[in-house]
């Protein structure tokens, strides 16, 4: 993730399974690692003691930290409690910019539509105190904010939900609270697997964009299909030109890259986020449920390793059964 060394992505929130200390090392933990959806984790450890940081959807915004990607929810740090009637605080992500940590998240104020709101750290301590900075106005009803970094330029990725489909847009950032130029649509649901095929829940969805970088390649992993569908899954965009604002420069995979696994009792896997462990292995954290119920309830965060294909694209494999996480 060489493009994002100066901007570190944040992860999921939730509650971790039991972790015990044996012989000075953390014992193997088990999936699910958090009873929360919409995870987002730092790609590399970010605190002075080498901890990964994780966040996720919840009533409050909480940051968790831990020594490995699979144990990133070991310690909890409450950083924001909504006030003034704010509800639906969804999908927080955390980034280091301009000497501060910035948390972008979705929320709704009374009488208003969903917007992207921002917290700024008061110091350079990622799990320290934060100040509420207000809304980052996109001009549309928007959710799922996240950052894309190409070269030295930063872009905010977000999802519009006011057109009869969930679509992924990007817009260049002049600063953490200021846009430069207009927004560009880079992905909307086109294929049957992006529209709930195989389920009665068929609202068309591309959402939850998350950047992934590897060996000079730039990817966006996104969630597709109706959020309530057991066929909710991950798709992939690969940047094949220099300008990420041009939709033609993004190649979308013709099929999902990570989908349900009835044989392993994992349904609706989505909201992928990524970390590289200290041993060099790569980790996918994602939200899923254990039934094929056509609703979005009981989505929890899970962690598993992933590999890379010979062409440099990620190989996520199949969702693994709940239980001890493979080392």
Foldseek 3Di string as FASTA:
>chain_A
DVLCPQKWKAWAAFAAADWDADPNDIDFGWPPGGQFAQIMKTAFQDDPVGWIWMHFDDQFTKIAIDNWPNCGNVGIAGAGHDDQAKGDWGRWMWIHDDQWIKIWTWIDHPPGAIFIWMWIDPGNGPRHYIDTDGTQDQPARWGQWDWDGAHNWIKIWIWGDPPQETFIKIFTAPGPRHTDDHIATQDWFDDQLQQQPPDPQGRGYWGLWDWDDDPHWIKTKTWGYRLLAQFTAIWMWTQQDRDPRDNVRIDTDPDGLEGADLVQQWTNWGNWYWYATPVRWIKIKTWTARDRGRGNPRTGIHMATWDADPVGHTRRDYDHHIDGYDD
